[in-house]
Amino acid sequence: MEKSAKIYVAGHNGMVGSAIVRKLTAEGFHNIITRSSKELDLRNQVAVSEFFKTEKPDYVFLAAAKVGGILANNVYRADFLYENLMIQSNVIHSSYENDVTKLMFLGSSCIYPKLAPQPLKEEYLLTGELEQTNEPYAIAKIAGIKMCDAYRAQYGCNYISVMPTNLYGPNDNYDLKNSHVLPALIRKVITAKNNGETSVTIWGTGTPKREFLYVDDLADACFYLMETYNEAGLVNVGVGDDVTILELAQLVAKTVGFDGEIITDTSKPDGTPRKLMD
């Protein structure tokens, strides 16, 4: 990518998008274009088409998505499927119509089967049933991967798909109704400490394992892949190590100085037993 290249980062206010903007800025790129969801509704095909016709970006990082934890994914199933399909379809198709040089689609490790062998290899995609609680989101992300591959096969588009593991870092979402596990734990534990509570309850058995990657490290990987990788299919990005949810909760408690009890609520779902990227 030339330093003067026009680069559109979709989802720049989110955790991943903002990290990518920081990385590009640090690398000396000075023609980065962004739009907030209020300025440009990526679910609106006409609006997205007009934006691309006007701006004509050279490169696109598609980091915009409707995201959330187990609760939000399970309750708002139609919203997660519909909104993510619309966002992806509009951005990918408009990129094709306006001759974008290269597009990167950001997905999630939830695309893999619930009981896939560990660590997760790219070839395990579509080899078994998905985790039920976030199936709509996973299906949307799988569709995004296949859409990138289809546009590559039919039109010769250089569209790549990157699947990061669980992330943490600046601009994360700490809303307990729709956040991911780590920010939810941080908020729960800090709230308990500030309120003088003697315990914190976490969902499930606490035994599922999760891998965590700092979002700026993901941005480094995305920049490298955008510069060097040009293949169909998907690429996993992770750190190669994981931790149980209970261990994570205990680590958060130790870090913030909360010495109360961590209680597991086994009436709540665990989600996928393990998600370690290869």
C-alpha atoms as a PDB file:
ATOM      1  CA  MET A   1       0.000   0.000   0.000  1.00  0.00           C
ATOM      2  CA  GLU A   2       1.265   3.456  -0.907  1.00  0.00           C
ATOM      3  CA  LYS A   3       1.266   5.997   1.929  1.00  0.00           C
ATOM      4  CA  SER A   4      -1.104   8.148  -0.114  1.00  0.00           C
ATOM      5  CA  ALA A   5      -3.569   5.313  -0.774  1.00  0.00           C
ATOM      6  CA  LYS A   6      -7.155   6.050   0.214  1.00  0.00           C
ATOM      7  CA  ILE A   7      -8.058   3.538   2.927  1.00  0.00           C
ATOM      8  CA  TYR A   8     -11.590   3.073   4.250  1.00  0.00           C
ATOM      9  CA  VAL A   9     -11.837   1.565   7.742  1.00  0.00           C
ATOM     10  CA  ALA A  10     -15.430   0.451   8.316  1.00  0.00           C
ATOM     11  CA  GLY A  11     -16.193   0.372  12.025  1.00  0.00           C
ATOM     12  CA  HIS A  12     -13.475   2.823  13.067  1.00  0.00           C
ATOM     13  CA  ASN A  13     -15.153   3.616  16.396  1.00  0.00           C
ATOM     14  CA  GLY A  14     -15.122  -0.021  17.477  1.00  0.00           C
ATOM     15  CA  MET A  15     -12.302  -1.811  19.237  1.00  0.00           C
ATOM     16  CA  VAL A  16     -10.845  -3.449  16.107  1.00  0.00           C
ATOM     17  CA  GLY A  17     -11.437  -0.582  13.700  1.00  0.00           C
ATOM     18  CA  SER A  18      -9.913   2.011  16.018  1.00  0.00           C
ATOM     19  CA  ALA A  19      -6.837  -0.177  16.511  1.00  0.00           C
ATOM     20  CA  ILE A  20      -6.421  -0.476  12.734  1.00  0.00           C
ATOM     21  CA  VAL A  21      -6.682   3.313  12.379  1.00  0.00           C
ATOM     22  CA  ARG A  22      -4.000   3.738  15.061  1.00  0.00           C
ATOM     23  CA  LYS A  23      -1.732   1.289  13.256  1.00  0.00           C
ATOM     24  CA  LEU A  24      -2.198   2.909   9.843  1.00  0.00           C
ATOM     25  CA  THR A  25      -1.580   6.363  11.299  1.00  0.00           C
ATOM     26  CA  ALA A  26       1.578   5.171  13.060  1.00  0.00           C
ATOM     27  CA  GLU A  27       2.804   3.691   9.763  1.00  0.00           C
ATOM     28  CA  GLY A  28       2.440   7.053   8.027  1.00  0.00           C
ATOM     29  CA  PHE A  29      -0.786   6.575   6.068  1.00  0.00           C
ATOM     30  CA  HIS A  30      -2.527   9.930   5.800  1.00  0.00           C
ATOM     31  CA  ASN A  31      -5.552   9.338   3.574  1.00  0.00           C
ATOM     32  CA  ILE A  32      -7.734   7.287   5.922  1.00  0.00           C
ATOM     33  CA  ILE A  33     -11.487   7.734   5.489  1.00  0.00           C
ATOM     34  CA  THR A  34     -14.039   6.882   8.163  1.00  0.00           C
ATOM     35  CA  ARG A  35     -17.741   7.340   8.820  1.00  0.00           C
ATOM     36  CA  SER A  36     -19.673   6.835  12.036  1.00  0.00           C
ATOM     37  CA  SER A  37     -22.825   4.724  11.977  1.00  0.00           C
ATOM     38  CA  LYS A  38     -24.836   7.955  12.240  1.00  0.00           C
ATOM     39  CA  GLU A  39     -23.088   9.373   9.177  1.00  0.00           C
ATOM     40  CA  LEU A  40     -23.327   6.168   7.139  1.00  0.00           C
ATOM     41  CA  ASP A  41     -25.689   3.279   7.875  1.00  0.00           C
ATOM     42  CA  LEU A  42     -23.870   0.288   6.415  1.00  0.00           C
ATOM     43  CA  ARG A  43     -27.143  -1.669   6.422  1.00  0.00           C
ATOM     44  CA  ASN A  44     -28.479   0.755   3.799  1.00  0.00           C
ATOM     45  CA  GLN A  45     -27.484  -0.452   0.335  1.00  0.00           C
ATOM     46  CA  VAL A  46     -28.188   2.843  -1.428  1.00  0.00           C
ATOM     47  CA  ALA A  47     -26.234   4.877   1.133  1.00  0.00           C
ATOM     48  CA  VAL A  48     -23.240   2.534   0.983  1.00  0.00           C
ATOM     49  CA  SER A  49     -23.270   2.539  -2.815  1.00  0.00           C
ATOM     50  CA  GLU A  50     -23.284   6.347  -2.930  1.00  0.00           C
ATOM     51  CA  PHE A  51     -20.479   6.546  -0.368  1.00  0.00           C
ATOM     52  CA  PHE A  52     -18.234   4.252  -2.408  1.00  0.00           C
ATOM     53  CA  LYS A  53     -19.019   6.059  -5.666  1.00  0.00           C
ATOM     54  CA  THR A  54     -18.084   9.372  -4.060  1.00  0.00           C
ATOM     55  CA  GLU A  55     -15.009   8.341  -2.056  1.00  0.00           C
ATOM     56  CA  LYS A  56     -13.539   5.621  -4.321  1.00  0.00           C
ATOM     57  CA  PRO A  57     -11.321   3.974  -1.657  1.00  0.00           C
ATOM     58  CA  ASP A  58      -8.312   1.937  -2.765  1.00  0.00           C
ATOM     59  CA  TYR A  59      -8.319  -0.398   0.248  1.00  0.00           C
ATOM     60  CA  VAL A  60     -11.039  -1.461   2.682  1.00  0.00           C
ATOM     61  CA  PHE A  61     -10.797  -2.907   6.187  1.00  0.00           C
ATOM     62  CA  LEU A  62     -14.258  -4.297   6.971  1.00  0.00           C
ATOM     63  CA  ALA A  63     -14.274  -4.242  10.782  1.00  0.00           C
ATOM     64  CA  ALA A  64     -17.871  -3.062  11.212  1.00  0.00           C
ATOM     65  CA  ALA A  65     -20.287  -5.558  12.740  1.00  0.00           C
ATOM     66  CA  LYS A  66     -23.074  -5.996  15.251  1.00  0.00           C
ATOM     67  CA  VAL A  67     -21.352  -7.826  18.110  1.00  0.00           C
ATOM     68  CA  GLY A  68     -22.106  -9.019  21.638  1.00  0.00           C
ATOM     69  CA  GLY A  69     -21.732 -11.786  24.184  1.00  0.00           C
ATOM     70  CA  ILE A  70     -23.757 -14.949  24.792  1.00  0.00           C
ATOM     71  CA  LEU A  71     -26.820 -13.093  26.134  1.00  0.00           C
ATOM     72  CA  ALA A  72     -27.162 -10.604  23.280  1.00  0.00           C
ATOM     73  CA  ASN A  73     -26.380 -13.187  20.591  1.00  0.00           C
ATOM     74  CA  ASN A  74     -28.980 -15.595  21.934  1.00  0.00           C
ATOM     75  CA  VAL A  75     -31.766 -13.047  22.482  1.00  0.00           C
ATOM     76  CA  TYR A  76     -31.394 -10.877  19.359  1.00  0.00           C
ATOM     77  CA  ARG A  77     -30.827 -13.711  16.908  1.00  0.00           C
ATOM     78  CA  ALA A  78     -32.615 -12.126  13.954  1.00  0.00           C
ATOM     79  CA  ASP A  79     -30.859  -8.787  14.453  1.00  0.00           C
ATOM     80  CA  PHE A  80     -27.411 -10.373  14.569  1.00  0.00           C
ATOM     81  CA  LEU A  81     -28.043 -12.355  11.394  1.00  0.00           C
ATOM     82  CA  TYR A  82     -29.792  -9.656   9.377  1.00  0.00           C
ATOM     83  CA  GLU A  83     -27.629  -6.676  10.309  1.00  0.00           C
ATOM     84  CA  ASN A  84     -24.310  -8.440   9.799  1.00  0.00           C
ATOM     85  CA  LEU A  85     -25.405  -9.918   6.475  1.00  0.00           C
ATOM     86  CA  MET A  86     -26.483  -6.477   5.273  1.00  0.00           C
ATOM     87  CA  ILE A  87     -23.291  -4.727   6.421  1.00  0.00           C
ATOM     88  CA  GLN A  88     -21.055  -7.323   4.785  1.00  0.00           C
ATOM     89  CA  SER A  89     -23.040  -7.617   1.572  1.00  0.00           C
ATOM     90  CA  ASN A  90     -23.241  -3.873   1.010  1.00  0.00           C
ATOM     91  CA  VAL A  91     -19.561  -3.162   1.680  1.00  0.00           C
ATOM     92  CA  ILE A  92     -18.239  -6.152  -0.265  1.00  0.00           C
ATOM     93  CA  HIS A  93     -20.466  -5.561  -3.295  1.00  0.00           C
ATOM     94  CA  SER A  94     -19.783  -1.817  -3.388  1.00  0.00           C
ATOM     95  CA  SER A  95     -16.064  -2.564  -3.153  1.00  0.00           C
ATOM     96  CA  TYR A  96     -16.411  -4.718  -6.272  1.00  0.00           C
ATOM     97  CA  GLU A  97     -18.494  -2.125  -8.128  1.00  0.00           C
ATOM     98  CA  ASN A  98     -15.941   0.603  -7.416  1.00  0.00           C
ATOM     99  CA  ASP A  99     -12.753  -1.332  -8.178  1.00  0.00           C
ATOM    100  CA  VAL A 100     -11.324  -1.487  -4.655  1.00  0.00           C
ATOM    101  CA  THR A 101      -7.782  -2.886  -4.928  1.00  0.00           C
ATOM    102  CA  LYS A 102      -8.027  -5.071  -1.832  1.00  0.00           C
ATOM    103  CA  LEU A 103     -10.504  -5.746   0.965  1.00  0.00           C
ATOM    104  CA  MET A 104     -10.007  -7.412   4.335  1.00  0.00           C
ATOM    105  CA  PHE A 105     -13.033  -8.989   6.005  1.00  0.00           C
ATOM    106  CA  LEU A 106     -12.760  -9.408   9.786  1.00  0.00           C
ATOM    107  CA  GLY A 107     -14.600 -12.341  11.303  1.00  0.00           C
ATOM    108  CA  SER A 108     -14.526 -14.310  14.549  1.00  0.00           C
ATOM    109  CA  SER A 109     -13.456 -17.651  15.989  1.00  0.00           C
ATOM    110  CA  CYS A 110     -17.147 -18.465  16.557  1.00  0.00           C
ATOM    111  CA  ILE A 111     -17.328 -19.576  12.911  1.00  0.00           C
ATOM    112  CA  TYR A 112     -15.875 -22.951  13.901  1.00  0.00           C
ATOM    113  CA  PRO A 113     -17.938 -25.974  15.007  1.00  0.00           C
ATOM    114  CA  LYS A 114     -18.709 -26.158  18.719  1.00  0.00           C
ATOM    115  CA  LEU A 115     -16.861 -29.446  19.131  1.00  0.00           C
ATOM    116  CA  ALA A 116     -14.072 -28.903  16.587  1.00  0.00           C
ATOM    117  CA  PRO A 117     -10.639 -30.389  17.395  1.00  0.00           C
ATOM    118  CA  GLN A 118      -8.245 -28.060  19.193  1.00  0.00           C
ATOM    119  CA  PRO A 119      -6.361 -25.985  18.277  1.00  0.00           C
ATOM    120  CA  LEU A 120      -8.664 -24.677  15.558  1.00  0.00           C
ATOM    121  CA  LYS A 121      -7.346 -25.017  12.024  1.00  0.00           C
ATOM    122  CA  GLU A 122      -8.793 -23.119   9.069  1.00  0.00           C
ATOM    123  CA  GLU A 123      -9.863 -26.359   7.389  1.00  0.00           C
ATOM    124  CA  TYR A 124     -12.261 -27.130  10.273  1.00  0.00           C
ATOM    125  CA  LEU A 125     -14.743 -24.571   8.909  1.00  0.00           C
ATOM    126  CA  LEU A 126     -18.152 -26.170   8.167  1.00  0.00           C
ATOM    127  CA  THR A 127     -17.193 -29.608   9.498  1.00  0.00           C
ATOM    128  CA  GLY A 128     -19.759 -29.734  12.327  1.00  0.00           C
ATOM    129  CA  GLU A 129     -22.587 -27.992  14.169  1.00  0.00           C
ATOM    130  CA  LEU A 130     -22.095 -24.455  15.441  1.00  0.00           C
ATOM    131  CA  GLU A 131     -22.549 -23.316  19.042  1.00  0.00           C
ATOM    132  CA  GLN A 132     -26.297 -22.681  19.304  1.00  0.00           C
ATOM    133  CA  THR A 133     -26.130 -19.484  21.361  1.00  0.00           C
ATOM    134  CA  ASN A 134     -24.251 -17.483  18.713  1.00  0.00           C
ATOM    135  CA  GLU A 135     -25.216 -19.425  15.591  1.00  0.00           C
ATOM    136  CA  PRO A 136     -26.789 -16.439  13.733  1.00  0.00           C
ATOM    137  CA  TYR A 137     -23.649 -14.325  14.154  1.00  0.00           C
ATOM    138  CA  ALA A 138     -21.444 -17.240  13.126  1.00  0.00           C
ATOM    139  CA  ILE A 139     -23.561 -17.938  10.041  1.00  0.00           C
ATOM    140  CA  ALA A 140     -23.291 -14.289   9.004  1.00  0.00           C
ATOM    141  CA  LYS A 141     -19.504 -14.361   9.379  1.00  0.00           C
ATOM    142  CA  ILE A 142     -19.233 -17.619   7.435  1.00  0.00           C
ATOM    143  CA  ALA A 143     -21.315 -16.005   4.692  1.00  0.00           C
ATOM    144  CA  GLY A 144     -18.846 -13.109   4.650  1.00  0.00           C
ATOM    145  CA  ILE A 145     -15.924 -15.488   4.132  1.00  0.00           C
ATOM    146  CA  LYS A 146     -17.735 -17.295   1.339  1.00  0.00           C
ATOM    147  CA  MET A 147     -18.768 -14.010  -0.236  1.00  0.00           C
ATOM    148  CA  CYS A 148     -15.154 -12.845  -0.377  1.00  0.00           C
ATOM    149  CA  ASP A 149     -14.172 -16.149  -1.972  1.00  0.00           C
ATOM    150  CA  ALA A 150     -17.054 -15.956  -4.458  1.00  0.00           C
ATOM    151  CA  TYR A 151     -16.111 -12.447  -5.606  1.00  0.00           C
ATOM    152  CA  ARG A 152     -12.518 -13.627  -5.938  1.00  0.00           C
ATOM    153  CA  ALA A 153     -13.557 -16.643  -8.014  1.00  0.00           C
ATOM    154  CA  GLN A 154     -16.056 -14.861 -10.269  1.00  0.00           C
ATOM    155  CA  TYR A 155     -14.556 -11.384 -10.598  1.00  0.00           C
ATOM    156  CA  GLY A 156     -10.903 -11.775  -9.587  1.00  0.00           C
ATOM    157  CA  CYS A 157     -11.285  -9.540  -6.528  1.00  0.00           C
ATOM    158  CA  ASN A 158      -8.437  -9.599  -4.010  1.00  0.00           C
ATOM    159  CA  TYR A 159     -10.593 -10.025  -0.900  1.00  0.00           C
ATOM    160  CA  ILE A 160      -9.145 -11.791   2.147  1.00  0.00           C
ATOM    161  CA  SER A 161     -10.748 -13.034   5.384  1.00  0.00           C
ATOM    162  CA  VAL A 162      -9.112 -12.805   8.811  1.00  0.00           C
ATOM    163  CA  MET A 163     -10.465 -14.610  11.880  1.00  0.00           C
ATOM    164  CA  PRO A 164      -9.156 -13.242  15.195  1.00  0.00           C
ATOM    165  CA  THR A 165      -9.523 -14.966  18.530  1.00  0.00           C
ATOM    166  CA  ASN A 166     -11.163 -13.208  21.513  1.00  0.00           C
ATOM    167  CA  LEU A 167      -9.918  -9.640  21.824  1.00  0.00           C
ATOM    168  CA  TYR A 168      -9.406  -7.050  24.534  1.00  0.00           C
ATOM    169  CA  GLY A 169      -8.111  -3.504  24.692  1.00  0.00           C
ATOM    170  CA  PRO A 170      -9.055   0.164  24.213  1.00  0.00           C
ATOM    171  CA  ASN A 171     -12.607   0.966  23.067  1.00  0.00           C
ATOM    172  CA  ASP A 172     -13.995  -2.348  24.281  1.00  0.00           C
ATOM    173  CA  ASN A 173     -17.670  -2.536  25.247  1.00  0.00           C
ATOM    174  CA  TYR A 174     -18.381  -2.850  28.983  1.00  0.00           C
ATOM    175  CA  ASP A 175     -22.189  -3.007  28.793  1.00  0.00           C
ATOM    176  CA  LEU A 176     -23.190  -6.152  30.702  1.00  0.00           C
ATOM    177  CA  LYS A 177     -26.101  -6.818  28.330  1.00  0.00           C
ATOM    178  CA  ASN A 178     -24.051  -7.137  25.144  1.00  0.00           C
ATOM    179  CA  SER A 179     -20.347  -7.212  26.023  1.00  0.00           C
ATOM    180  CA  HIS A 180     -17.897 -10.069  25.589  1.00  0.00           C
ATOM    181  CA  VAL A 181     -16.593 -12.120  28.483  1.00  0.00           C
ATOM    182  CA  LEU A 182     -13.472 -10.183  29.531  1.00  0.00           C
ATOM    183  CA  PRO A 183     -14.948  -6.656  29.699  1.00  0.00           C
ATOM    184  CA  ALA A 184     -18.045  -8.112  31.374  1.00  0.00           C
ATOM    185  CA  LEU A 185     -15.882  -9.751  34.036  1.00  0.00           C
ATOM    186  CA  ILE A 186     -13.870  -6.581  34.577  1.00  0.00           C
ATOM    187  CA  ARG A 187     -17.019  -4.527  35.078  1.00  0.00           C
ATOM    188  CA  LYS A 188     -18.655  -7.127  37.340  1.00  0.00           C
ATOM    189  CA  VAL A 189     -15.619  -7.460  39.589  1.00  0.00           C
ATOM    190  CA  ILE A 190     -14.901  -3.728  39.841  1.00  0.00           C
ATOM    191  CA  THR A 191     -18.577  -3.023  40.583  1.00  0.00           C
ATOM    192  CA  ALA A 192     -18.581  -5.699  43.292  1.00  0.00           C
ATOM    193  CA  LYS A 193     -15.444  -4.250  44.856  1.00  0.00           C
ATOM    194  CA  ASN A 194     -16.748  -0.684  44.782  1.00  0.00           C
ATOM    195  CA  ASN A 195     -20.054  -1.788  46.335  1.00  0.00           C
ATOM    196  CA  GLY A 196     -18.394  -3.806  49.069  1.00  0.00           C
ATOM    197  CA  GLU A 197     -19.915  -7.076  47.865  1.00  0.00           C
ATOM    198  CA  THR A 198     -18.508 -10.418  49.029  1.00  0.00           C
ATOM    199  CA  SER A 199     -18.968 -12.414  45.822  1.00  0.00           C
ATOM    200  CA  VAL A 200     -19.241 -12.236  42.040  1.00  0.00           C
ATOM    201  CA  THR A 201     -21.324 -14.664  39.984  1.00  0.00           C
ATOM    202  CA  ILE A 202     -20.183 -15.750  36.526  1.00  0.00           C
ATOM    203  CA  TRP A 203     -22.197 -17.588  33.896  1.00  0.00           C
ATOM    204  CA  GLY A 204     -21.797 -21.339  33.436  1.00  0.00           C
ATOM    205  CA  THR A 205     -19.370 -23.763  35.002  1.00  0.00           C
ATOM    206  CA  GLY A 206     -16.268 -21.627  34.530  1.00  0.00           C
ATOM    207  CA  THR A 207     -14.530 -24.489  32.725  1.00  0.00           C
ATOM    208  CA  PRO A 208     -14.702 -23.302  29.074  1.00  0.00           C
ATOM    209  CA  LYS A 209     -11.358 -22.091  27.784  1.00  0.00           C
ATOM    210  CA  ARG A 210     -10.754 -18.915  25.820  1.00  0.00           C
ATOM    211  CA  GLU A 211      -7.749 -17.361  24.116  1.00  0.00           C
ATOM    212  CA  PHE A 212      -7.212 -13.584  24.345  1.00  0.00           C
ATOM    213  CA  LEU A 213      -5.336 -11.278  21.993  1.00  0.00           C
ATOM    214  CA  TYR A 214      -4.586  -7.599  22.597  1.00  0.00           C
ATOM    215  CA  VAL A 215      -6.356  -5.629  19.882  1.00  0.00           C
ATOM    216  CA  ASP A 216      -3.278  -3.609  18.851  1.00  0.00           C
ATOM    217  CA  ASP A 217      -1.477  -6.899  18.205  1.00  0.00           C
ATOM    218  CA  LEU A 218      -4.366  -7.870  15.932  1.00  0.00           C
ATOM    219  CA  ALA A 219      -3.970  -4.528  14.135  1.00  0.00           C
ATOM    220  CA  ASP A 220      -0.292  -5.341  13.541  1.00  0.00           C
ATOM    221  CA  ALA A 221      -1.324  -8.693  12.053  1.00  0.00           C
ATOM    222  CA  CYS A 222      -4.006  -7.090   9.880  1.00  0.00           C
ATOM    223  CA  PHE A 223      -1.542  -4.562   8.503  1.00  0.00           C
ATOM    224  CA  TYR A 224       0.955  -7.322   7.717  1.00  0.00           C
ATOM    225  CA  LEU A 225      -1.696  -9.460   6.001  1.00  0.00           C
ATOM    226  CA  MET A 226      -3.036  -6.540   3.979  1.00  0.00           C
ATOM    227  CA  GLU A 227       0.497  -5.916   2.730  1.00  0.00           C
ATOM    228  CA  THR A 228       1.503  -9.526   2.054  1.00  0.00           C
ATOM    229  CA  TYR A 229      -1.393 -12.028   1.956  1.00  0.00           C
ATOM    230  CA  ASN A 230      -3.480 -12.552  -1.174  1.00  0.00           C
ATOM    231  CA  GLU A 231      -5.138 -15.969  -0.898  1.00  0.00           C
ATOM    232  CA  ALA A 232      -8.699 -17.286  -0.788  1.00  0.00           C
ATOM    233  CA  GLY A 233     -10.117 -18.896   2.335  1.00  0.00           C
ATOM    234  CA  LEU A 234      -9.352 -17.556   5.785  1.00  0.00           C
ATOM    235  CA  VAL A 235      -6.454 -16.890   8.145  1.00  0.00           C
ATOM    236  CA  ASN A 236      -6.577 -17.384  11.919  1.00  0.00           C
ATOM    237  CA  VAL A 237      -4.936 -14.827  14.200  1.00  0.00           C
ATOM    238  CA  GLY A 238      -4.263 -15.737  17.834  1.00  0.00           C
ATOM    239  CA  VAL A 239      -1.582 -16.150  20.490  1.00  0.00           C
ATOM    240  CA  GLY A 240      -1.565 -19.941  20.904  1.00  0.00           C
ATOM    241  CA  ASP A 241      -2.468 -20.076  24.609  1.00  0.00           C
ATOM    242  CA  ASP A 242      -5.756 -20.096  26.518  1.00  0.00           C
ATOM    243  CA  VAL A 243      -7.257 -19.854  30.000  1.00  0.00           C
ATOM    244  CA  THR A 244     -10.485 -21.052  31.668  1.00  0.00           C
ATOM    245  CA  ILE A 245     -13.230 -18.527  32.361  1.00  0.00           C
ATOM    246  CA  LEU A 246     -12.880 -19.193  36.098  1.00  0.00           C
ATOM    247  CA  GLU A 247      -9.122 -18.585  35.931  1.00  0.00           C
ATOM    248  CA  LEU A 248      -9.802 -15.395  34.006  1.00  0.00           C
ATOM    249  CA  ALA A 249     -12.271 -14.200  36.643  1.00  0.00           C
ATOM    250  CA  GLN A 250      -9.751 -14.966  39.383  1.00  0.00           C
ATOM    251  CA  LEU A 251      -7.051 -13.052  37.494  1.00  0.00           C
ATOM    252  CA  VAL A 252      -9.322 -10.031  37.112  1.00  0.00           C
ATOM    253  CA  ALA A 253     -10.205 -10.193  40.822  1.00  0.00           C
ATOM    254  CA  LYS A 254      -6.534 -10.353  41.803  1.00  0.00           C
ATOM    255  CA  THR A 255      -5.619  -7.493  39.479  1.00  0.00           C
ATOM    256  CA  VAL A 256      -8.262  -5.104  40.829  1.00  0.00           C
ATOM    257  CA  GLY A 257      -7.860  -6.201  44.446  1.00  0.00           C
ATOM    258  CA  PHE A 258     -11.185  -7.987  44.939  1.00  0.00           C
ATOM    259  CA  ASP A 259     -10.849 -10.797  47.481  1.00  0.00           C
ATOM    260  CA  GLY A 260     -14.453 -12.030  47.469  1.00  0.00           C
ATOM    261  CA  GLU A 261     -15.739 -15.383  46.220  1.00  0.00           C
ATOM    262  CA  ILE A 262     -16.184 -16.234  42.527  1.00  0.00           C
ATOM    263  CA  ILE A 263     -19.446 -18.189  42.173  1.00  0.00           C
ATOM    264  CA  THR A 264     -20.385 -20.174  39.050  1.00  0.00           C
ATOM    265  CA  ASP A 265     -24.034 -20.175  37.923  1.00  0.00           C
ATOM    266  CA  THR A 266     -24.443 -23.537  36.209  1.00  0.00           C
ATOM    267  CA  SER A 267     -28.027 -22.714  35.182  1.00  0.00           C
ATOM    268  CA  LYS A 268     -26.542 -20.373  32.568  1.00  0.00           C
ATOM    269  CA  PRO A 269     -24.939 -21.566  29.293  1.00  0.00           C
ATOM    270  CA  ASP A 270     -21.211 -22.133  28.887  1.00  0.00           C
ATOM    271  CA  GLY A 271     -20.978 -21.552  25.160  1.00  0.00           C
ATOM    272  CA  THR A 272     -18.319 -23.389  23.170  1.00  0.00           C
ATOM    273  CA  PRO A 273     -16.093 -25.552  25.442  1.00  0.00           C
ATOM    274  CA  ARG A 274     -12.843 -24.315  23.929  1.00  0.00           C
ATOM    275  CA  LYS A 275     -11.683 -21.951  21.164  1.00  0.00           C
ATOM    276  CA  LEU A 276      -7.922 -22.011  20.697  1.00  0.00           C
ATOM    277  CA  MET A 277      -6.617 -20.840  17.334  1.00  0.00           C
ATOM    278  CA  ASP A 278      -3.918 -22.724  15.462  1.00  0.00           C
END
